[in-house]
PDB file of all heavy atoms in Angstrom:
ATOM      1  N   ARG A   1      28.711 -14.818   6.281  1.00  0.00           N
ATOM      2  CA  ARG A   1      28.722 -13.358   6.165  1.00  0.00           C
ATOM      3  C   ARG A   1      27.928 -12.721   7.296  1.00  0.00           C
ATOM      4  O   ARG A   1      28.073 -11.494   7.530  1.00  0.00           O
ATOM      5  CB  ARG A   1      28.143 -12.937   4.812  1.00  0.00           C
ATOM      6  CG  ARG A   1      28.995 -13.368   3.639  1.00  0.00           C
ATOM      7  CD  ARG A   1      28.315 -13.114   2.309  1.00  0.00           C
ATOM      8  NE  ARG A   1      29.011 -13.808   1.222  1.00  0.00           N
ATOM      9  CZ  ARG A   1      28.479 -14.011   0.007  1.00  0.00           C
ATOM     10  NH1 ARG A   1      27.225 -13.572  -0.272  1.00  0.00           N
ATOM     11  NH2 ARG A   1      29.173 -14.653  -0.947  1.00  0.00           N
ATOM     12  N   LEU A   2      27.078 -13.469   7.940  1.00  0.00           N
ATOM     13  CA  LEU A   2      26.285 -12.957   9.071  1.00  0.00           C
ATOM     14  C   LEU A   2      27.130 -12.886  10.316  1.00  0.00           C
ATOM     15  O   LEU A   2      27.853 -13.822  10.694  1.00  0.00           O
ATOM     16  CB  LEU A   2      25.088 -13.835   9.328  1.00  0.00           C
ATOM     17  CG  LEU A   2      24.005 -13.980   8.231  1.00  0.00           C
ATOM     18  CD1 LEU A   2      23.026 -15.074   8.581  1.00  0.00           C
ATOM     19  CD2 LEU A   2      23.284 -12.643   8.010  1.00  0.00           C
ATOM     20  N   THR A   3      26.993 -11.784  11.044  1.00  0.00           N
ATOM     21  CA  THR A   3      27.606 -11.691  12.352  1.00  0.00           C
ATOM     22  C   THR A   3      26.729 -12.501  13.325  1.00  0.00           C
ATOM     23  O   THR A   3      25.569 -12.797  13.037  1.00  0.00           O
ATOM     24  CB  THR A   3      27.691 -10.252  12.854  1.00  0.00           C
ATOM     25  OG1 THR A   3      26.363  -9.765  13.037  1.00  0.00           O
ATOM     26  CG2 THR A   3      28.458  -9.385  11.861  1.00  0.00           C
ATOM     27  N   PRO A   4      27.267 -12.895  14.503  1.00  0.00           N
ATOM     28  CA  PRO A   4      26.388 -13.529  15.496  1.00  0.00           C
ATOM     29  C   PRO A   4      25.141 -12.707  15.825  1.00  0.00           C
ATOM     30  O   PRO A   4      24.039 -13.270  16.031  1.00  0.00           O
ATOM     31  CB  PRO A   4      27.320 -13.697  16.708  1.00  0.00           C
ATOM     32  CG  PRO A   4      28.690 -13.809  16.114  1.00  0.00           C
ATOM     33  CD  PRO A   4      28.680 -12.887  14.930  1.00  0.00           C
ATOM     34  N   GLU A   5      25.293 -11.363  15.827  1.00  0.00           N
ATOM     35  CA  GLU A   5      24.165 -10.488  16.131  1.00  0.00           C
ATOM     36  C   GLU A   5      23.154 -10.559  14.973  1.00  0.00           C
ATOM     37  O   GLU A   5      21.918 -10.571  15.249  1.00  0.00           O
ATOM     38  CB  GLU A   5      24.648  -9.047  16.362  1.00  0.00           C
ATOM     39  CG  GLU A   5      25.492  -8.836  17.569  1.00  0.00           C
ATOM     40  CD  GLU A   5      26.930  -9.365  17.452  1.00  0.00           C
ATOM     41  OE1 GLU A   5      27.400  -9.558  16.317  1.00  0.00           O
ATOM     42  OE2 GLU A   5      27.555  -9.608  18.516  1.00  0.00           O
ATOM     43  N   ASP A   6      23.622 -10.605  13.750  1.00  0.00           N
ATOM     44  CA  ASP A   6      22.737 -10.726  12.594  1.00  0.00           C
ATOM     45  C   ASP A   6      21.933 -12.049  12.671  1.00  0.00           C
ATOM     46  O   ASP A   6      20.728 -12.080  12.435  1.00  0.00           O
ATOM     47  CB  ASP A   6      23.531 -10.706  11.276  1.00  0.00           C
ATOM     48  CG  ASP A   6      24.081  -9.343  10.945  1.00  0.00           C
ATOM     49  OD1 ASP A   6      23.563  -8.340  11.451  1.00  0.00           O
ATOM     50  OD2 ASP A   6      25.036  -9.310  10.159  1.00  0.00           O
ATOM     51  N   LEU A   7      22.661 -13.099  12.984  1.00  0.00           N
ATOM     52  CA  LEU A   7      22.041 -14.422  13.053  1.00  0.00           C
ATOM     53  C   LEU A   7      20.958 -14.410  14.110  1.00  0.00           C
ATOM     54  O   LEU A   7      19.813 -14.900  13.828  1.00  0.00           O
ATOM     55  CB  LEU A   7      23.123 -15.440  13.373  1.00  0.00           C
ATOM     56  CG  LEU A   7      22.720 -16.906  13.276  1.00  0.00           C
ATOM     57  CD1 LEU A   7      23.962 -17.756  12.949  1.00  0.00           C
ATOM     58  CD2 LEU A   7      22.080 -17.420  14.555  1.00  0.00           C
ATOM     59  N   SER A   8      21.225 -13.870  15.291  1.00  0.00           N
ATOM     60  CA  SER A   8      20.222 -13.823  16.318  1.00  0.00           C
ATOM     61  C   SER A   8      19.008 -12.971  15.898  1.00  0.00           C
ATOM     62  O   SER A   8      17.846 -13.303  16.230  1.00  0.00           O
ATOM     63  CB  SER A   8      20.861 -13.266  17.610  1.00  0.00           C
ATOM     64  OG  SER A   8      19.914 -13.189  18.675  1.00  0.00           O
ATOM     65  N   ALA A   9      19.293 -11.875  15.225  1.00  0.00           N
ATOM     66  CA  ALA A   9      18.219 -10.971  14.825  1.00  0.00           C
ATOM     67  C   ALA A   9      17.276 -11.646  13.806  1.00  0.00           C
ATOM     68  O   ALA A   9      16.024 -11.579  13.974  1.00  0.00           O
ATOM     69  CB  ALA A   9      18.834  -9.696  14.207  1.00  0.00           C
ATOM     70  N   VAL A  10      17.826 -12.243  12.798  1.00  0.00           N
ATOM     71  CA  VAL A  10      16.981 -12.805  11.765  1.00  0.00           C
ATOM     72  C   VAL A  10      16.204 -14.048  12.218  1.00  0.00           C
ATOM     73  O   VAL A  10      15.026 -14.231  11.866  1.00  0.00           O
ATOM     74  CB  VAL A  10      17.813 -13.117  10.456  1.00  0.00           C
ATOM     75  CG1 VAL A  10      18.657 -14.401  10.648  1.00  0.00           C
ATOM     76  CG2 VAL A  10      16.883 -13.232   9.265  1.00  0.00           C
ATOM     77  N   THR A  11      16.804 -14.846  13.107  1.00  0.00           N
ATOM     78  CA  THR A  11      16.034 -15.983  13.612  1.00  0.00           C
ATOM     79  C   THR A  11      14.936 -15.548  14.565  1.00  0.00           C
ATOM     80  O   THR A  11      13.853 -16.148  14.578  1.00  0.00           O
ATOM     81  CB  THR A  11      16.978 -17.018  14.294  1.00  0.00           C
ATOM     82  OG1 THR A  11      17.634 -16.375  15.437  1.00  0.00           O
ATOM     83  CG2 THR A  11      17.996 -17.555  13.305  1.00  0.00           C
ATOM     84  N   ALA A  12      15.190 -14.505  15.356  1.00  0.00           N
ATOM     85  CA  ALA A  12      14.143 -14.008  16.243  1.00  0.00           C
ATOM     86  C   ALA A  12      12.953 -13.509  15.459  1.00  0.00           C
ATOM     87  O   ALA A  12      11.783 -13.767  15.767  1.00  0.00           O
ATOM     88  CB  ALA A  12      14.709 -12.906  17.115  1.00  0.00           C
ATOM     89  N   TRP A  13      13.242 -12.743  14.399  1.00  0.00           N
ATOM     90  CA  TRP A  13      12.154 -12.210  13.584  1.00  0.00           C
ATOM     91  C   TRP A  13      11.403 -13.302  12.815  1.00  0.00           C
ATOM     92  O   TRP A  13      10.150 -13.322  12.872  1.00  0.00           O
ATOM     93  CB  TRP A  13      12.710 -11.167  12.597  1.00  0.00           C
ATOM     94  CG  TRP A  13      11.657 -10.439  11.865  1.00  0.00           C
ATOM     95  CD1 TRP A  13      10.961  -9.351  12.290  1.00  0.00           C
ATOM     96  CD2 TRP A  13      11.110 -10.772  10.582  1.00  0.00           C
ATOM     97  NE1 TRP A  13      10.036  -8.968  11.366  1.00  0.00           N
ATOM     98  CE2 TRP A  13      10.082  -9.847  10.280  1.00  0.00           C
ATOM     99  CE3 TRP A  13      11.378 -11.802   9.647  1.00  0.00           C
ATOM    100  CZ2 TRP A  13       9.374  -9.888   9.105  1.00  0.00           C
ATOM    101  CZ3 TRP A  13      10.655 -11.857   8.442  1.00  0.00           C
ATOM    102  CH2 TRP A  13       9.656 -10.867   8.193  1.00  0.00           C
ATOM    103  N   LEU A  14      12.120 -14.217  12.197  1.00  0.00           N
ATOM    104  CA  LEU A  14      11.449 -15.301  11.441  1.00  0.00           C
ATOM    105  C   LEU A  14      10.585 -16.136  12.346  1.00  0.00           C
ATOM    106  O   LEU A  14       9.427 -16.477  11.985  1.00  0.00           O
ATOM    107  CB  LEU A  14      12.503 -16.161  10.778  1.00  0.00           C
ATOM    108  CG  LEU A  14      13.227 -15.583   9.572  1.00  0.00           C
ATOM    109  CD1 LEU A  14      14.391 -16.487   9.161  1.00  0.00           C
ATOM    110  CD2 LEU A  14      12.296 -15.348   8.412  1.00  0.00           C
ATOM    111  N   ALA A  15      11.098 -16.521  13.532  1.00  0.00           N
ATOM    112  CA  ALA A  15      10.329 -17.434  14.397  1.00  0.00           C
ATOM    113  C   ALA A  15       9.098 -16.789  14.974  1.00  0.00           C
ATOM    114  O   ALA A  15       8.156 -17.535  15.393  1.00  0.00           O
ATOM    115  CB  ALA A  15      11.242 -17.908  15.511  1.00  0.00           C
ATOM    116  N   SER A  16       9.002 -15.479  14.977  1.00  0.00           N
ATOM    117  CA  SER A  16       7.840 -14.803  15.574  1.00  0.00           C
ATOM    118  C   SER A  16       6.809 -14.367  14.568  1.00  0.00           C
ATOM    119  O   SER A  16       5.770 -13.827  14.950  1.00  0.00           O
ATOM    120  CB  SER A  16       8.328 -13.599  16.362  1.00  0.00           C
ATOM    121  OG  SER A  16       8.923 -12.625  15.536  1.00  0.00           O
ATOM    122  N   GLN A  17       7.016 -14.610  13.286  1.00  0.00           N
ATOM    123  CA  GLN A  17       6.130 -14.121  12.266  1.00  0.00           C
ATOM    124  C   GLN A  17       4.879 -14.983  12.127  1.00  0.00           C
ATOM    125  O   GLN A  17       4.929 -16.233  12.186  1.00  0.00           O
ATOM    126  CB  GLN A  17       6.807 -14.032  10.895  1.00  0.00           C
ATOM    127  CG  GLN A  17       7.896 -13.008  10.855  1.00  0.00           C
ATOM    128  CD  GLN A  17       7.483 -11.657  11.396  1.00  0.00           C
ATOM    129  OE1 GLN A  17       6.625 -11.016  10.779  1.00  0.00           O
ATOM    130  NE2 GLN A  17       7.994 -11.262  12.520  1.00  0.00           N
ATOM    131  N   PRO A  18       3.704 -14.338  11.942  1.00  0.00           N
ATOM    132  CA  PRO A  18       2.470 -15.104  11.707  1.00  0.00           C
ATOM    133  C   PRO A  18       2.549 -15.786  10.348  1.00  0.00           C
ATOM    134  O   PRO A  18       3.246 -15.325   9.450  1.00  0.00           O
ATOM    135  CB  PRO A  18       1.371 -14.054  11.773  1.00  0.00           C
ATOM    136  CG  PRO A  18       2.101 -12.762  11.388  1.00  0.00           C
ATOM    137  CD  PRO A  18       3.466 -12.888  11.952  1.00  0.00           C
ATOM    138  N   LEU A  19       1.790 -16.865  10.221  1.00  0.00           N
ATOM    139  CA  LEU A  19       1.723 -17.589   8.961  1.00  0.00           C
ATOM    140  C   LEU A  19       0.717 -16.955   8.064  1.00  0.00           C
ATOM    141  O   LEU A  19      -0.368 -16.508   8.470  1.00  0.00           O
ATOM    142  CB  LEU A  19       1.342 -19.044   9.192  1.00  0.00           C
ATOM    143  CG  LEU A  19       2.441 -20.045   9.622  1.00  0.00           C
ATOM    144  CD1 LEU A  19       3.550 -20.138   8.586  1.00  0.00           C
ATOM    145  CD2 LEU A  19       2.986 -19.691  10.973  1.00  0.00           C
ATOM    146  N   PRO A  20       0.992 -16.831   6.738  1.00  0.00           N
ATOM    147  CA  PRO A  20       0.023 -16.298   5.795  1.00  0.00           C
ATOM    148  C   PRO A  20      -1.132 -17.309   5.630  1.00  0.00           C
ATOM    149  O   PRO A  20      -0.981 -18.489   5.944  1.00  0.00           O
ATOM    150  CB  PRO A  20       0.823 -16.145   4.519  1.00  0.00           C
ATOM    151  CG  PRO A  20       1.916 -17.149   4.593  1.00  0.00           C
ATOM    152  CD  PRO A  20       2.274 -17.258   6.064  1.00  0.00           C
ATOM    153  N   PRO A  21      -2.241 -16.872   5.038  1.00  0.00           N
ATOM    154  CA  PRO A  21      -3.353 -17.791   4.839  1.00  0.00           C
ATOM    155  C   PRO A  21      -2.957 -19.007   3.961  1.00  0.00           C
ATOM    156  O   PRO A  21      -3.428 -20.134   4.243  1.00  0.00           O
ATOM    157  CB  PRO A  21      -4.390 -16.950   4.113  1.00  0.00           C
ATOM    158  CG  PRO A  21      -4.077 -15.569   4.527  1.00  0.00           C
ATOM    159  CD  PRO A  21      -2.592 -15.472   4.678  1.00  0.00           C
ATOM    160  N   ASP A  22      -2.135 -18.828   2.978  1.00  0.00           N
ATOM    161  CA  ASP A  22      -1.644 -19.914   2.150  1.00  0.00           C
ATOM    162  C   ASP A  22      -0.157 -20.201   2.501  1.00  0.00           C
ATOM    163  O   ASP A  22       0.695 -19.376   2.208  1.00  0.00           O
ATOM    164  CB  ASP A  22      -1.784 -19.547   0.674  1.00  0.00           C
ATOM    165  CG  ASP A  22      -1.462 -20.748  -0.268  1.00  0.00           C
ATOM    166  OD1 ASP A  22      -1.042 -21.808   0.259  1.00  0.00           O
ATOM    167  OD2 ASP A  22      -1.630 -20.618  -1.476  1.00  0.00           O
ATOM    168  N   THR A  23       0.037 -21.308   3.144  1.00  0.00           N
ATOM    169  CA  THR A  23       1.393 -21.648   3.629  1.00  0.00           C
ATOM    170  C   THR A  23       2.177 -22.516   2.636  1.00  0.00           C
ATOM    171  O   THR A  23       3.333 -22.876   2.906  1.00  0.00           O
ATOM    172  CB  THR A  23       1.339 -22.355   4.954  1.00  0.00           C
ATOM    173  OG1 THR A  23       0.549 -23.568   4.839  1.00  0.00           O
ATOM    174  CG2 THR A  23       0.686 -21.462   6.040  1.00  0.00           C
ATOM    175  N   ARG A  24       1.586 -22.813   1.508  1.00  0.00           N
ATOM    176  CA  ARG A  24       2.255 -23.705   0.537  1.00  0.00           C
ATOM    177  C   ARG A  24       3.411 -22.964  -0.169  1.00  0.00           C
ATOM    178  O   ARG A  24       3.298 -21.785  -0.383  1.00  0.00           O
ATOM    179  CB  ARG A  24       1.242 -24.207  -0.475  1.00  0.00           C
ATOM    180  CG  ARG A  24       0.200 -25.138   0.102  1.00  0.00           C
ATOM    181  CD  ARG A  24      -0.890 -25.459  -0.927  1.00  0.00           C
ATOM    182  NE  ARG A  24      -1.636 -24.286  -1.321  1.00  0.00           N
ATOM    183  CZ  ARG A  24      -2.606 -24.262  -2.197  1.00  0.00           C
ATOM    184  NH1 ARG A  24      -3.000 -25.360  -2.781  1.00  0.00           N
ATOM    185  NH2 ARG A  24      -3.214 -23.118  -2.505  1.00  0.00           N
ATOM    186  N   PRO A  25       4.439 -23.724  -0.557  1.00  0.00           N
ATOM    187  CA  PRO A  25       5.491 -23.111  -1.369  1.00  0.00           C
ATOM    188  C   PRO A  25       4.971 -22.632  -2.698  1.00  0.00           C
ATOM    189  O   PRO A  25       4.052 -23.242  -3.258  1.00  0.00           O
ATOM    190  CB  PRO A  25       6.509 -24.212  -1.538  1.00  0.00           C
ATOM    191  CG  PRO A  25       5.763 -25.492  -1.298  1.00  0.00           C
ATOM    192  CD  PRO A  25       4.690 -25.149  -0.317  1.00  0.00           C
ATOM    193  N   VAL A  26       5.551 -21.521  -3.172  1.00  0.00           N
ATOM    194  CA  VAL A  26       5.096 -21.014  -4.486  1.00  0.00           C
ATOM    195  C   VAL A  26       5.773 -21.793  -5.639  1.00  0.00           C
ATOM    196  O   VAL A  26       6.804 -22.404  -5.436  1.00  0.00           O
ATOM    197  CB  VAL A  26       5.371 -19.508  -4.592  1.00  0.00           C
ATOM    198  CG1 VAL A  26       4.582 -18.715  -3.555  1.00  0.00           C
ATOM    199  CG2 VAL A  26       6.853 -19.197  -4.498  1.00  0.00           C
ATOM    200  N   ALA A  27       5.177 -21.665  -6.803  1.00  0.00           N
ATOM    201  CA  ALA A  27       5.716 -22.426  -7.943  1.00  0.00           C
ATOM    202  C   ALA A  27       7.041 -21.853  -8.442  1.00  0.00           C
ATOM    203  O   ALA A  27       7.913 -22.619  -8.895  1.00  0.00           O
ATOM    204  CB  ALA A  27       4.693 -22.440  -9.074  1.00  0.00           C
ATOM    205  N   ARG A  28       7.230 -20.587  -8.346  1.00  0.00           N
ATOM    206  CA  ARG A  28       8.457 -19.954  -8.876  1.00  0.00           C
ATOM    207  C   ARG A  28       8.637 -18.584  -8.238  1.00  0.00           C
ATOM    208  O   ARG A  28       7.704 -17.979  -7.700  1.00  0.00           O
ATOM    209  CB  ARG A  28       8.407 -19.836 -10.381  1.00  0.00           C
ATOM    210  CG  ARG A  28       7.303 -18.930 -10.881  1.00  0.00           C
ATOM    211  CD  ARG A  28       7.203 -18.946 -12.389  1.00  0.00           C
ATOM    212  NE  ARG A  28       6.870 -20.280 -12.867  1.00  0.00           N
ATOM    213  CZ  ARG A  28       5.632 -20.722 -12.961  1.00  0.00           C
ATOM    214  NH1 ARG A  28       4.602 -19.994 -12.594  1.00  0.00           N
ATOM    215  NH2 ARG A  28       5.405 -21.957 -13.389  1.00  0.00           N
TER     216      ARG A  28
END
């Protein structure tokens, strides 16, 4: 459902985000 432009946008944003203090997966 993502356009190529959407795909590029979301990966650029995700890859540039700082990590939170707690990087562990949440329980639910």
